[in-house]
C-alpha atoms as a PDB file:
ATOM      1  CA  MET A   1      18.560 -10.367 -31.304  1.00  0.00           C
ATOM      2  CA  LEU A   2      18.953  -6.808 -29.952  1.00  0.00           C
ATOM      3  CA  TYR A   3      16.406  -7.470 -27.170  1.00  0.00           C
ATOM      4  CA  LEU A   4      18.274 -10.644 -26.196  1.00  0.00           C
ATOM      5  CA  LEU A   5      21.627  -8.837 -26.063  1.00  0.00           C
ATOM      6  CA  LEU A   6      20.131  -6.054 -23.929  1.00  0.00           C
ATOM      7  CA  LEU A   7      18.559  -8.663 -21.642  1.00  0.00           C
ATOM      8  CA  ILE A   8      21.943 -10.355 -21.131  1.00  0.00           C
ATOM      9  CA  SER A   9      23.556  -6.946 -20.536  1.00  0.00           C
ATOM     10  CA  GLY A  10      20.924  -6.210 -17.891  1.00  0.00           C
ATOM     11  CA  LEU A  11      21.703  -9.485 -16.128  1.00  0.00           C
ATOM     12  CA  ALA A  12      25.422  -8.612 -16.130  1.00  0.00           C
ATOM     13  CA  ILE A  13      24.685  -5.193 -14.594  1.00  0.00           C
ATOM     14  CA  LEU A  14      22.523  -6.910 -11.955  1.00  0.00           C
ATOM     15  CA  LEU A  15      25.404  -9.214 -11.027  1.00  0.00           C
ATOM     16  CA  LEU A  16      27.814  -6.300 -10.670  1.00  0.00           C
ATOM     17  CA  GLY A  17      25.265  -4.266  -8.715  1.00  0.00           C
ATOM     18  CA  GLY A  18      24.485  -7.155  -6.368  1.00  0.00           C
ATOM     19  CA  GLY A  19      28.158  -7.714  -5.656  1.00  0.00           C
ATOM     20  CA  GLY A  20      28.757  -4.033  -4.986  1.00  0.00           C
ATOM     21  CA  LEU A  21      25.730  -3.741  -2.724  1.00  0.00           C
ATOM     22  CA  VAL A  22      26.705  -6.725  -0.559  1.00  0.00           C
ATOM     23  CA  ARG A  23      30.364  -5.665  -0.393  1.00  0.00           C
ATOM     24  CA  GLY A  24      29.574  -2.069   0.492  1.00  0.00           C
ATOM     25  CA  SER A  25      26.826  -2.819   3.018  1.00  0.00           C
ATOM     26  CA  THR A  26      28.836  -5.422   4.920  1.00  0.00           C
ATOM     27  CA  GLY A  27      31.755  -2.979   4.970  1.00  0.00           C
ATOM     28  CA  LEU A  28      29.455  -0.326   6.439  1.00  0.00           C
ATOM     29  CA  ALA A  29      28.174  -2.788   9.042  1.00  0.00           C
ATOM     30  CA  LYS A  30      31.720  -3.391  10.237  1.00  0.00           C
ATOM     31  CA  SER A  31      32.779   0.266  10.161  1.00  0.00           C
ATOM     32  CA  TYR A  32      29.705   1.442  12.090  1.00  0.00           C
ATOM     33  CA  GLY A  33      29.642  -1.504  14.494  1.00  0.00           C
ATOM     34  CA  VAL A  34      26.181  -2.537  13.243  1.00  0.00           C
ATOM     35  CA  SER A  35      25.062  -6.126  12.701  1.00  0.00           C
ATOM     36  CA  PRO A  36      24.808  -7.317   9.063  1.00  0.00           C
ATOM     37  CA  LEU A  37      21.182  -8.318   9.786  1.00  0.00           C
ATOM     38  CA  LEU A  38      20.106  -4.702  10.367  1.00  0.00           C
ATOM     39  CA  VAL A  39      21.959  -3.554   7.254  1.00  0.00           C
ATOM     40  CA  GLY A  40      20.219  -6.279   5.262  1.00  0.00           C
ATOM     41  CA  LEU A  41      16.844  -5.121   6.543  1.00  0.00           C
ATOM     42  CA  THR A  42      17.473  -1.502   5.516  1.00  0.00           C
ATOM     43  CA  ILE A  43      20.101  -0.576   2.912  1.00  0.00           C
ATOM     44  CA  VAL A  44      20.191  -3.855   0.975  1.00  0.00           C
ATOM     45  CA  ALA A  45      16.418  -4.385   1.180  1.00  0.00           C
ATOM     46  CA  PHE A  46      15.750  -0.922  -0.234  1.00  0.00           C
ATOM     47  CA  GLY A  47      18.370  -1.324  -2.957  1.00  0.00           C
ATOM     48  CA  THR A  48      16.971  -4.647  -4.149  1.00  0.00           C
ATOM     49  CA  SER A  49      13.392  -3.293  -4.082  1.00  0.00           C
ATOM     50  CA  ALA A  50      14.372  -0.467  -6.437  1.00  0.00           C
ATOM     51  CA  PRO A  51      13.339  -2.340  -9.635  1.00  0.00           C
ATOM     52  CA  GLU A  52       9.839  -3.010  -8.269  1.00  0.00           C
ATOM     53  CA  LEU A  53       9.525   0.646  -7.277  1.00  0.00           C
ATOM     54  CA  VAL A  54      10.757   1.904 -10.660  1.00  0.00           C
ATOM     55  CA  VAL A  55       8.472  -0.399 -12.664  1.00  0.00           C
ATOM     56  CA  ASN A  56       5.383   0.368 -10.564  1.00  0.00           C
ATOM     57  CA  VAL A  57       5.899   4.134 -10.438  1.00  0.00           C
ATOM     58  CA  VAL A  58       6.413   4.320 -14.211  1.00  0.00           C
ATOM     59  CA  GLY A  59       3.250   2.255 -14.707  1.00  0.00           C
ATOM     60  CA  ALA A  60       1.267   4.402 -12.273  1.00  0.00           C
ATOM     61  CA  LEU A  61       2.363   7.629 -13.961  1.00  0.00           C
ATOM     62  CA  LYS A  62       1.042   6.184 -17.220  1.00  0.00           C
ATOM     63  CA  GLU A  63      -2.171   5.117 -15.390  1.00  0.00           C
ATOM     64  CA  GLN A  64      -1.373   1.492 -16.218  1.00  0.00           C
ATOM     65  CA  THR A  65      -1.395  -0.403 -12.920  1.00  0.00           C
ATOM     66  CA  ASP A  66      -2.817  -3.652 -14.281  1.00  0.00           C
ATOM     67  CA  ILE A  67       0.370  -5.543 -13.524  1.00  0.00           C
ATOM     68  CA  ALA A  68       1.457  -3.430 -10.525  1.00  0.00           C
ATOM     69  CA  PHE A  69      -0.162  -5.616  -7.868  1.00  0.00           C
ATOM     70  CA  GLY A  70       0.914  -8.786  -9.673  1.00  0.00           C
ATOM     71  CA  ASN A  71       4.450  -7.422  -9.778  1.00  0.00           C
ATOM     72  CA  VAL A  72       4.570  -6.931  -5.992  1.00  0.00           C
ATOM     73  CA  ALA A  73       2.701 -10.125  -5.083  1.00  0.00           C
ATOM     74  CA  GLY A  74       4.659 -12.162  -7.616  1.00  0.00           C
ATOM     75  CA  SER A  75       7.969 -10.652  -6.507  1.00  0.00           C
ATOM     76  CA  ASN A  76       7.262 -11.508  -2.870  1.00  0.00           C
ATOM     77  CA  LEU A  77       6.388 -15.064  -3.872  1.00  0.00           C
ATOM     78  CA  ALA A  78       9.570 -15.295  -5.937  1.00  0.00           C
ATOM     79  CA  ASN A  79      11.641 -13.880  -3.084  1.00  0.00           C
ATOM     80  CA  LEU A  80      10.450 -16.574  -0.684  1.00  0.00           C
ATOM     81  CA  GLY A  81      10.054 -19.548  -3.006  1.00  0.00           C
ATOM     82  CA  LEU A  82      12.678 -18.967  -5.679  1.00  0.00           C
ATOM     83  CA  VAL A  83      15.277 -16.802  -3.933  1.00  0.00           C
ATOM     84  CA  LEU A  84      15.129 -18.109  -0.353  1.00  0.00           C
ATOM     85  CA  GLY A  85      14.482 -21.682  -1.471  1.00  0.00           C
ATOM     86  CA  GLY A  86      17.208 -21.612  -4.115  1.00  0.00           C
ATOM     87  CA  THR A  87      19.733 -20.006  -1.773  1.00  0.00           C
ATOM     88  CA  ALA A  88      18.988 -22.561   0.978  1.00  0.00           C
ATOM     89  CA  ILE A  89      19.694 -25.351  -1.522  1.00  0.00           C
ATOM     90  CA  MET A  90      23.108 -23.792  -2.203  1.00  0.00           C
ATOM     91  CA  SER A  91      24.033 -22.974   1.382  1.00  0.00           C
ATOM     92  CA  ARG A  92      22.517 -23.764   4.795  1.00  0.00           C
ATOM     93  CA  LEU A  93      20.962 -20.547   6.121  1.00  0.00           C
ATOM     94  CA  ARG A  94      20.871 -19.506   9.755  1.00  0.00           C
ATOM     95  CA  ILE A  95      17.643 -17.821  10.878  1.00  0.00           C
ATOM     96  CA  ASN A  96      18.366 -14.978  13.282  1.00  0.00           C
ATOM     97  CA  ASP A  97      16.283 -14.601  16.460  1.00  0.00           C
ATOM     98  CA  GLN A  98      15.261 -11.037  15.559  1.00  0.00           C
ATOM     99  CA  ILE A  99      13.821 -12.162  12.218  1.00  0.00           C
ATOM    100  CA  VAL A 100      11.399 -14.522  13.968  1.00  0.00           C
ATOM    101  CA  THR A 101      10.553 -12.374  16.976  1.00  0.00           C
ATOM    102  CA  ARG A 102      10.039  -9.066  15.162  1.00  0.00           C
ATOM    103  CA  ASP A 103      10.489  -8.907  11.389  1.00  0.00           C
ATOM    104  CA  LEU A 104       8.530 -11.989  10.312  1.00  0.00           C
ATOM    105  CA  PRO A 105       5.530 -11.152  12.542  1.00  0.00           C
ATOM    106  CA  PHE A 106       5.573  -7.659  11.035  1.00  0.00           C
ATOM    107  CA  LEU A 107       5.565  -9.132   7.525  1.00  0.00           C
ATOM    108  CA  LEU A 108       2.702 -11.483   8.434  1.00  0.00           C
ATOM    109  CA  LEU A 109       0.689  -8.615   9.943  1.00  0.00           C
ATOM    110  CA  SER A 110       1.238  -6.448   6.849  1.00  0.00           C
ATOM    111  CA  SER A 111       0.240  -9.291   4.515  1.00  0.00           C
ATOM    112  CA  THR A 112      -2.919  -9.932   6.535  1.00  0.00           C
ATOM    113  CA  ALA A 113      -3.847  -6.228   6.420  1.00  0.00           C
ATOM    114  CA  ILE A 114      -3.532  -6.171   2.613  1.00  0.00           C
ATOM    115  CA  ILE A 115      -5.645  -9.335   2.283  1.00  0.00           C
ATOM    116  CA  ILE A 116      -8.374  -7.650   4.364  1.00  0.00           C
ATOM    117  CA  MET A 117      -8.150  -4.503   2.201  1.00  0.00           C
ATOM    118  CA  ILE A 118      -8.716  -6.645  -0.894  1.00  0.00           C
ATOM    119  CA  LEU A 119     -11.458  -8.920   0.450  1.00  0.00           C
ATOM    120  CA  ASP A 120     -13.515  -6.339   2.349  1.00  0.00           C
ATOM    121  CA  PRO A 121     -14.932  -4.489  -0.707  1.00  0.00           C
ATOM    122  CA  THR A 122     -15.111  -7.740  -2.704  1.00  0.00           C
ATOM    123  CA  LEU A 123     -17.321  -9.401  -0.081  1.00  0.00           C
ATOM    124  CA  ARG A 124     -19.597  -6.333  -0.171  1.00  0.00           C
ATOM    125  CA  GLY A 125     -19.953  -6.671  -3.936  1.00  0.00           C
ATOM    126  CA  GLN A 126     -17.756  -3.689  -4.742  1.00  0.00           C
ATOM    127  CA  LYS A 127     -14.708  -3.399  -6.970  1.00  0.00           C
ATOM    128  CA  SER A 128     -11.507  -3.988  -5.035  1.00  0.00           C
ATOM    129  CA  LEU A 129      -9.154  -1.020  -5.262  1.00  0.00           C
ATOM    130  CA  LEU A 130      -6.070  -0.172  -3.259  1.00  0.00           C
ATOM    131  CA  ASP A 131      -6.458   3.600  -3.112  1.00  0.00           C
ATOM    132  CA  PHE A 132      -5.077   6.645  -1.311  1.00  0.00           C
ATOM    133  CA  SER A 133      -6.566   5.771   2.097  1.00  0.00           C
ATOM    134  CA  ASP A 134      -5.205   2.217   1.942  1.00  0.00           C
ATOM    135  CA  ALA A 135      -1.822   3.612   0.931  1.00  0.00           C
ATOM    136  CA  LEU A 136      -1.718   5.895   3.982  1.00  0.00           C
ATOM    137  CA  ILE A 137      -2.383   2.938   6.302  1.00  0.00           C
ATOM    138  CA  LEU A 138       0.393   0.895   4.684  1.00  0.00           C
ATOM    139  CA  LEU A 139       2.805   3.836   4.843  1.00  0.00           C
ATOM    140  CA  LEU A 140       1.973   4.199   8.549  1.00  0.00           C
ATOM    141  CA  PHE A 141       2.947   0.544   9.016  1.00  0.00           C
ATOM    142  CA  PHE A 142       6.150   1.234   7.082  1.00  0.00           C
ATOM    143  CA  SER A 143       6.976   4.209   9.319  1.00  0.00           C
ATOM    144  CA  ILE A 144       6.512   2.044  12.418  1.00  0.00           C
ATOM    145  CA  PHE A 145       8.745  -0.662  10.945  1.00  0.00           C
ATOM    146  CA  MET A 146      11.497   1.839  10.101  1.00  0.00           C
ATOM    147  CA  TYR A 147      11.228   3.429  13.558  1.00  0.00           C
ATOM    148  CA  MET A 148      11.659   0.017  15.180  1.00  0.00           C
ATOM    149  CA  THR A 149      14.521  -0.886  12.843  1.00  0.00           C
ATOM    150  CA  PHE A 150      16.459   2.330  13.403  1.00  0.00           C
ATOM    151  CA  GLY A 151      15.738   2.056  17.123  1.00  0.00           C
ATOM    152  CA  ASP A 152      17.562  -1.267  17.075  1.00  0.00           C
ATOM    153  CA  LEU A 153      20.235   0.305  14.890  1.00  0.00           C
ATOM    154  CA  ALA A 154      20.880   2.944  17.556  1.00  0.00           C
ATOM    155  CA  SER A 155      20.815   0.475  20.461  1.00  0.00           C
ATOM    156  CA  ASN A 156      23.210  -1.872  18.647  1.00  0.00           C
ATOM    157  CA  HIS A 157      25.536   0.937  17.582  1.00  0.00           C
ATOM    158  CA  HIS A 158      28.992   0.713  19.066  1.00  0.00           C
ATOM    159  CA  SER A 159      31.645   3.367  19.053  1.00  0.00           C
ATOM    160  CA  SER A 160      33.381   2.980  15.757  1.00  0.00           C
ATOM    161  CA  GLU A 161      36.042   5.670  15.958  1.00  0.00           C
ATOM    162  CA  ASN A 162      38.704   3.003  15.768  1.00  0.00           C
ATOM    163  CA  LEU A 163      36.918   1.150  13.010  1.00  0.00           C
ATOM    164  CA  GLU A 164      37.310   3.916  10.423  1.00  0.00           C
ATOM    165  CA  THR A 165      40.568   3.369   8.615  1.00  0.00           C
ATOM    166  CA  GLY A 166      40.905   6.908   7.280  1.00  0.00           C
ATOM    167  CA  SER A 167      41.645   5.583   3.824  1.00  0.00           C
ATOM    168  CA  PHE A 168      39.136   6.406   1.080  1.00  0.00           C
ATOM    169  CA  TRP A 169      39.440   3.031  -0.635  1.00  0.00           C
ATOM    170  CA  SER A 170      38.851   1.030   2.548  1.00  0.00           C
ATOM    171  CA  GLY A 171      36.797   3.526   4.579  1.00  0.00           C
ATOM    172  CA  ARG A 172      33.146   4.475   4.903  1.00  0.00           C
ATOM    173  CA  THR A 173      33.160   6.905   1.975  1.00  0.00           C
ATOM    174  CA  PHE A 174      34.154   4.163  -0.425  1.00  0.00           C
ATOM    175  CA  ASN A 175      31.635   1.746   1.129  1.00  0.00           C
ATOM    176  CA  TRP A 176      28.801   4.269   0.759  1.00  0.00           C
ATOM    177  CA  LEU A 177      29.838   4.911  -2.839  1.00  0.00           C
ATOM    178  CA  THR A 178      29.853   1.168  -3.499  1.00  0.00           C
ATOM    179  CA  VAL A 179      26.361   0.823  -2.000  1.00  0.00           C
ATOM    180  CA  LEU A 180      25.012   3.700  -4.108  1.00  0.00           C
ATOM    181  CA  LEU A 181      26.584   2.427  -7.332  1.00  0.00           C
ATOM    182  CA  GLY A 182      25.441  -1.113  -6.558  1.00  0.00           C
ATOM    183  CA  SER A 183      21.865   0.050  -5.976  1.00  0.00           C
ATOM    184  CA  LEU A 184      21.990   2.057  -9.202  1.00  0.00           C
ATOM    185  CA  GLY A 185      23.256  -1.010 -11.042  1.00  0.00           C
ATOM    186  CA  LEU A 186      20.413  -3.091  -9.632  1.00  0.00           C
ATOM    187  CA  ALA A 187      17.805  -0.532 -10.680  1.00  0.00           C
ATOM    188  CA  VAL A 188      19.227  -0.069 -14.183  1.00  0.00           C
ATOM    189  CA  GLY A 189      19.850  -3.776 -14.681  1.00  0.00           C
ATOM    190  CA  GLY A 190      16.400  -4.713 -13.411  1.00  0.00           C
ATOM    191  CA  GLU A 191      14.762  -2.197 -15.724  1.00  0.00           C
ATOM    192  CA  MET A 192      16.745  -3.529 -18.701  1.00  0.00           C
ATOM    193  CA  VAL A 193      15.781  -7.116 -17.903  1.00  0.00           C
ATOM    194  CA  ILE A 194      12.091  -6.248 -17.560  1.00  0.00           C
ATOM    195  CA  THR A 195      11.836  -3.955 -20.592  1.00  0.00           C
ATOM    196  CA  ASN A 196      13.598  -6.315 -22.959  1.00  0.00           C
ATOM    197  CA  GLY A 197      12.063  -9.415 -21.395  1.00  0.00           C
ATOM    198  CA  VAL A 198       8.567  -8.037 -21.972  1.00  0.00           C
ATOM    199  CA  ALA A 199       9.513  -7.097 -25.545  1.00  0.00           C
ATOM    200  CA  LEU A 200      10.705 -10.655 -26.166  1.00  0.00           C
ATOM    201  CA  ALA A 201       7.500 -12.015 -24.618  1.00  0.00           C
ATOM    202  CA  ASN A 202       5.399  -9.877 -26.959  1.00  0.00           C
ATOM    203  CA  ILE A 203       7.395 -11.017 -29.977  1.00  0.00           C
ATOM    204  CA  LEU A 204       6.967 -14.659 -28.924  1.00  0.00           C
ATOM    205  CA  GLY A 205       3.233 -14.138 -28.287  1.00  0.00           C
ATOM    206  CA  ILE A 206       3.286 -14.956 -24.561  1.00  0.00           C
ATOM    207  CA  SER A 207       0.059 -14.021 -22.720  1.00  0.00           C
ATOM    208  CA  PRO A 208      -0.157 -10.907 -20.481  1.00  0.00           C
ATOM    209  CA  THR A 209      -0.739 -13.210 -17.473  1.00  0.00           C
ATOM    210  CA  ILE A 210       2.720 -14.688 -17.861  1.00  0.00           C
ATOM    211  CA  VAL A 211       4.233 -11.256 -18.497  1.00  0.00           C
ATOM    212  CA  GLY A 212       2.569  -9.726 -15.434  1.00  0.00           C
ATOM    213  CA  MET A 213       2.639 -12.462 -12.806  1.00  0.00           C
ATOM    214  CA  ALA A 214       5.723 -14.379 -13.882  1.00  0.00           C
ATOM    215  CA  LEU A 215       8.086 -12.497 -16.178  1.00  0.00           C
ATOM    216  CA  VAL A 216       7.905  -9.038 -14.580  1.00  0.00           C
ATOM    217  CA  ALA A 217       7.782 -10.419 -11.030  1.00  0.00           C
ATOM    218  CA  ILE A 218      10.728 -12.746 -11.568  1.00  0.00           C
ATOM    219  CA  GLY A 219      12.582  -9.977 -13.388  1.00  0.00           C
ATOM    220  CA  THR A 220      12.211  -7.565 -10.469  1.00  0.00           C
ATOM    221  CA  SER A 221      13.233 -10.340  -8.040  1.00  0.00           C
ATOM    222  CA  LEU A 222      16.535 -10.932  -9.832  1.00  0.00           C
ATOM    223  CA  PRO A 223      18.360  -8.392  -7.602  1.00  0.00           C
ATOM    224  CA  GLU A 224      17.227 -10.277  -4.479  1.00  0.00           C
ATOM    225  CA  LEU A 225      18.329 -13.560  -6.070  1.00  0.00           C
ATOM    226  CA  VAL A 226      21.735 -12.214  -7.095  1.00  0.00           C
ATOM    227  CA  THR A 227      22.332 -10.442  -3.771  1.00  0.00           C
ATOM    228  CA  SER A 228      21.246 -13.459  -1.705  1.00  0.00           C
ATOM    229  CA  ILE A 229      23.384 -15.921  -3.672  1.00  0.00           C
ATOM    230  CA  ILE A 230      26.428 -13.666  -3.305  1.00  0.00           C
ATOM    231  CA  ALA A 231      25.689 -13.211   0.419  1.00  0.00           C
ATOM    232  CA  ALA A 232      25.387 -16.988   0.887  1.00  0.00           C
ATOM    233  CA  MET A 233      28.661 -17.574  -0.972  1.00  0.00           C
ATOM    234  CA  ARG A 234      30.309 -15.032   1.340  1.00  0.00           C
ATOM    235  CA  LYS A 235      28.804 -16.833   4.368  1.00  0.00           C
ATOM    236  CA  GLU A 236      26.694 -13.775   5.262  1.00  0.00           C
ATOM    237  CA  ALA A 237      23.543 -15.733   6.163  1.00  0.00           C
ATOM    238  CA  ASP A 238      22.162 -12.906   8.316  1.00  0.00           C
ATOM    239  CA  LEU A 239      22.380 -10.530   5.363  1.00  0.00           C
ATOM    240  CA  CYS A 240      20.801 -13.094   3.024  1.00  0.00           C
ATOM    241  CA  VAL A 241      17.660 -13.837   5.074  1.00  0.00           C
ATOM    242  CA  GLY A 242      17.381 -10.246   6.295  1.00  0.00           C
ATOM    243  CA  ASN A 243      17.541  -9.013   2.696  1.00  0.00           C
ATOM    244  CA  ILE A 244      14.642 -11.232   1.609  1.00  0.00           C
ATOM    245  CA  ILE A 245      12.372 -10.435   4.563  1.00  0.00           C
ATOM    246  CA  GLY A 246      13.250  -6.739   4.416  1.00  0.00           C
ATOM    247  CA  SER A 247      12.671  -6.586   0.665  1.00  0.00           C
ATOM    248  CA  ASN A 248       9.219  -8.172   1.029  1.00  0.00           C
ATOM    249  CA  ILE A 249       8.291  -5.640   3.708  1.00  0.00           C
ATOM    250  CA  PHE A 250       9.523  -2.794   1.476  1.00  0.00           C
ATOM    251  CA  ASN A 251       7.482  -4.163  -1.442  1.00  0.00           C
ATOM    252  CA  LEU A 252       4.255  -4.328   0.581  1.00  0.00           C
ATOM    253  CA  LEU A 253       4.635  -1.179   2.659  1.00  0.00           C
ATOM    254  CA  LEU A 254       6.547   1.177   0.352  1.00  0.00           C
ATOM    255  CA  VAL A 255       6.318   0.100  -3.308  1.00  0.00           C
ATOM    256  CA  LEU A 256       2.607  -0.797  -3.198  1.00  0.00           C
ATOM    257  CA  PRO A 257       1.348   2.327  -1.356  1.00  0.00           C
ATOM    258  CA  VAL A 258       3.525   4.727  -3.382  1.00  0.00           C
ATOM    259  CA  THR A 259       1.999   3.215  -6.528  1.00  0.00           C
ATOM    260  CA  ALA A 260      -1.532   3.484  -5.089  1.00  0.00           C
ATOM    261  CA  ILE A 261      -1.016   7.152  -4.183  1.00  0.00           C
ATOM    262  CA  ILE A 262      -0.108   7.954  -7.792  1.00  0.00           C
ATOM    263  CA  TYR A 263      -2.952   5.873  -9.249  1.00  0.00           C
ATOM    264  CA  PRO A 264      -5.377   3.362  -7.604  1.00  0.00           C
ATOM    265  CA  ILE A 265      -4.452  -0.308  -8.031  1.00  0.00           C
ATOM    266  CA  SER A 266      -7.186  -2.649  -9.214  1.00  0.00           C
ATOM    267  CA  THR A 267      -7.086  -6.237  -7.936  1.00  0.00           C
ATOM    268  CA  ASP A 268      -9.395  -9.139  -7.061  1.00  0.00           C
ATOM    269  CA  VAL A 269      -9.759 -12.247  -4.890  1.00  0.00           C
ATOM    270  CA  ARG A 270      -6.904 -13.974  -6.695  1.00  0.00           C
ATOM    271  CA  GLY A 271      -4.661 -11.124  -5.606  1.00  0.00           C
ATOM    272  CA  ALA A 272      -5.545 -11.911  -1.995  1.00  0.00           C
ATOM    273  CA  GLN A 273      -4.774 -15.557  -2.751  1.00  0.00           C
ATOM    274  CA  ASP A 274      -1.302 -14.602  -4.023  1.00  0.00           C
ATOM    275  CA  ILE A 275      -0.563 -12.641  -0.858  1.00  0.00           C
ATOM    276  CA  GLY A 276      -1.952 -15.543   1.198  1.00  0.00           C
ATOM    277  CA  VAL A 277       0.458 -18.037  -0.368  1.00  0.00           C
ATOM    278  CA  SER A 278       3.450 -15.785   0.324  1.00  0.00           C
ATOM    279  CA  LEU A 279       2.127 -15.347   3.872  1.00  0.00           C
ATOM    280  CA  ALA A 280       2.063 -19.153   4.300  1.00  0.00           C
ATOM    281  CA  LEU A 281       5.655 -19.461   3.060  1.00  0.00           C
ATOM    282  CA  ALA A 282       6.777 -16.701   5.425  1.00  0.00           C
ATOM    283  CA  ALA A 283       5.001 -18.390   8.349  1.00  0.00           C
ATOM    284  CA  SER A 284       6.830 -21.621   7.490  1.00  0.00           C
ATOM    285  CA  ILE A 285      10.114 -19.911   8.367  1.00  0.00           C
ATOM    286  CA  ILE A 286       8.926 -19.745  11.979  1.00  0.00           C
ATOM    287  CA  ILE A 287       8.252 -23.503  11.888  1.00  0.00           C
ATOM    288  CA  ILE A 288      11.754 -24.084  10.498  1.00  0.00           C
ATOM    289  CA  TYR A 289      13.206 -21.903  13.256  1.00  0.00           C
ATOM    290  CA  LEU A 290      11.421 -23.848  15.990  1.00  0.00           C
ATOM    291  CA  SER A 291      11.954 -27.352  14.619  1.00  0.00           C
ATOM    292  CA  ASN A 292      15.306 -27.321  12.841  1.00  0.00           C
ATOM    293  CA  LYS A 293      17.848 -25.679  15.150  1.00  0.00           C
ATOM    294  CA  LYS A 294      17.354 -22.247  13.566  1.00  0.00           C
ATOM    295  CA  LYS A 295      18.722 -23.499  10.239  1.00  0.00           C
ATOM    296  CA  MET A 296      17.113 -23.715   6.799  1.00  0.00           C
ATOM    297  CA  GLY A 297      18.793 -26.512   4.866  1.00  0.00           C
ATOM    298  CA  LYS A 298      18.584 -28.103   1.449  1.00  0.00           C
ATOM    299  CA  LEU A 299      15.376 -30.087   2.129  1.00  0.00           C
ATOM    300  CA  TRP A 300      13.424 -26.997   3.140  1.00  0.00           C
ATOM    301  CA  GLY A 301      14.935 -25.134   0.199  1.00  0.00           C
ATOM    302  CA  ILE A 302      13.671 -27.789  -2.207  1.00  0.00           C
ATOM    303  CA  LEU A 303      10.219 -27.647  -0.559  1.00  0.00           C
ATOM    304  CA  PHE A 304      10.028 -23.851  -0.910  1.00  0.00           C
ATOM    305  CA  LEU A 305      11.218 -23.932  -4.523  1.00  0.00           C
ATOM    306  CA  THR A 306       8.820 -26.755  -5.448  1.00  0.00           C
ATOM    307  CA  SER A 307       5.914 -24.923  -3.797  1.00  0.00           C
ATOM    308  CA  TYR A 308       6.716 -21.787  -5.771  1.00  0.00           C
ATOM    309  CA  ILE A 309       6.971 -23.588  -9.121  1.00  0.00           C
ATOM    310  CA  SER A 310       3.753 -25.545  -8.451  1.00  0.00           C
ATOM    311  CA  TYR A 311       1.785 -22.433  -7.510  1.00  0.00           C
ATOM    312  CA  MET A 312       3.061 -20.474 -10.495  1.00  0.00           C
ATOM    313  CA  CYS A 313       2.045 -23.315 -12.833  1.00  0.00           C
ATOM    314  CA  TYR A 314      -1.420 -23.309 -11.231  1.00  0.00           C
ATOM    315  CA  ARG A 315      -1.636 -19.515 -11.489  1.00  0.00           C
ATOM    316  CA  ILE A 316      -0.583 -19.388 -15.141  1.00  0.00           C
ATOM    317  CA  PHE A 317      -2.254 -22.500 -16.520  1.00  0.00           C
ATOM    318  CA  GLY A 318      -5.051 -23.059 -13.969  1.00  0.00           C
END
């Protein structure tokens, strides 16, 4: 009963954190004259990736990275299939030009690089490990992505002297505080959900496969789900899609390499398969953009969600 109460408390903290993060980041976007899309790809994406980072770093410090790769791969799958699909069912999402011309290709390139890192030693009959050298390559990709993102941030920056109200409760200081507290709430809430969810799974005798690939991954994706639903309800479609794509890039190019630097991550061909499925879902967004007037509606949302559920059933029971 205690684990269940703590799990529910964690979900409540996630909801509060997600609301604070969206409210603060959109307020910052307006006060700095920056588009909500760029904020979604940076501040919100990092904040919602905090649970994955916390879980993986703690596991790496304990030299227990068995579920680390599954956490990242499963979270990225959940972000696209569960979060993006579920949000599109609730509210029609507009796909911004920049997402398709820059951010999605970057995500596809990063996913392909990780698949090659996994398959190359496997095809040569060696054990597949994501180690320090792989981590440096991924962090280089991350640095390039952040350079490009902040380059756009600077070029899209408009003078905002008249945008600052001067009042603490409506100004930038309050918005930054809201973002920080929201991110903290997401990290704490995500950790509570995972810790107590895993404890419940152990009590119920659920297999480690479900705990690693499904429970932990879905648990760490709850911030993205909460933040995206709130963004959709507030009609902030740019923030919603940008958050999901940005979070997936952060997971692959920050969470994964930081974990690998602390302790090598062991994976196999099925890990490459997981990344490949998320890559296919991400590529589908480009098809939606080209064929559906830059909008992702309910039908596509149902397709994404169904694909995610079907693949997870195959992965767990297959």
